Amino acid sequence: MKRVVLRISAIMIILIIGSGAGFALHVGKALQPMPAAPEIQRISYPPGTTTAQLAAQLQDKGIVRDARIFTWYLKFKKEGSRFQAGEYDMSPGIAPDRIIGLLNRGETVKEEMLRLTVPEGYTVRQIAEKLQPFGIEADEFVRQAQSFKPKGESLAASIPNDPALKWRLEGYLFAETYEWKKDVKPQDMLEKMIAELDKKLEGLPPGWQETLKQRGLSFHEALTLASLIEREVVLDEERALVSGVIANRLKQGMPLQIDATVQYLFDKSKDRLFEKDLQIESPYNTYLNKGLPPGPISSPSLASISAAIFPAETNYLFYVTKKDGSKGHLFAETYEQHKKNIEDSNKVASSGTKP
């Protein structure tokens, strides 16, 4: 009887070992990568998806051999809790541990984005025209900009209700590189560009608002001044100097006579302004009108905004562009000195002088 029991026990042990070996062989085979293939499969793993649902999708897409074995493997390795939701691209032939690594690191497919760079000194119209290749009509963007109502905490909410403004949001769409989803609406684009201006202003020296109050300037006026500097100056070291010249002319009640304000009246800038251009009736024409124009004429950089708030202390009242290719200016305190600077500049080149 004992021999019979021993024989039965031995047979059962052999069967158990054989079954275990067979199961291990099956598991090992099930966890082998699928045959490699070039086709990319999109795997969707939205929030709330279970590892069993994920495994079933991986099997359906030909990424794993057996969903149940893969689910068991995840439990065995204590994986799944760190998987990041999103869309993944995988191809047959990828190993299970590689799949786990992709999901843990969140190597999701990057959504195709609309990328727009707004250069410093651009106008609302120019920004609108840059959007046309993305399927956004320039006229529609401009219409949205005209009717856009900034949030109460934004500085853009203080734009004066002045019918003389050519474009209400001019100057408030900060020059920066932006990314949006392909289906972005003009309203969302405007909101982000305005928010970027508010964000960048945090980089100004502390107390800049108080400085404006002491100078008797509103932020809208400071932004207008900054836009003039942006269009007039190329060299950073001259921004505060030109700001000082503008401040001095404003104090003395002199017309600013800034060419860029006349250029703003045209859809496209002219290579050269003629006397008839300087006589165009417009509140933006600083040859015919004293003081600042009704609003900004472009999107200024933070450097120009800072220069507008903190002008250099100087006695200069005039400046003229050098014609030596340096893109700098010659500054003068008197009109006689200014005429001499113009003559000196014209010795290098005879066109484009500044009155």
Foldseek 3Di string as FASTA:
>chain_A
DVVVVVVVVVVVVVVVVVVVVVVVVVLVVQQAFFPWDPDKDKQFFAPPDDLLNSLVVCCVRQGTVDSVSLVVVCVVVVADPQFDGAIAIDTGPDGSVVVRVCRNVVVHDDADKDKDFAAALAWLLRSLVSCVVLVRHSVVLQVCQQPQQADPVFLLNPQDPDPQDPGSCAQQQAGGMDIDHSPDDSNVNSRVSNVVSVVVVVPADPPLCVLCVVVVHDLQQLSQQLSLLRVQADDLVCLLVVLQLLSLCLVVQHQLQRVLLLLLVDPHGDPADDPVSLPDDGQSNSSVDTDTRSGHSHHGHVSSSNSNSRHDNDLWNDWWAAQPPPRDIDTDNDVVVVVVRQVVRVVNPPDDIGD
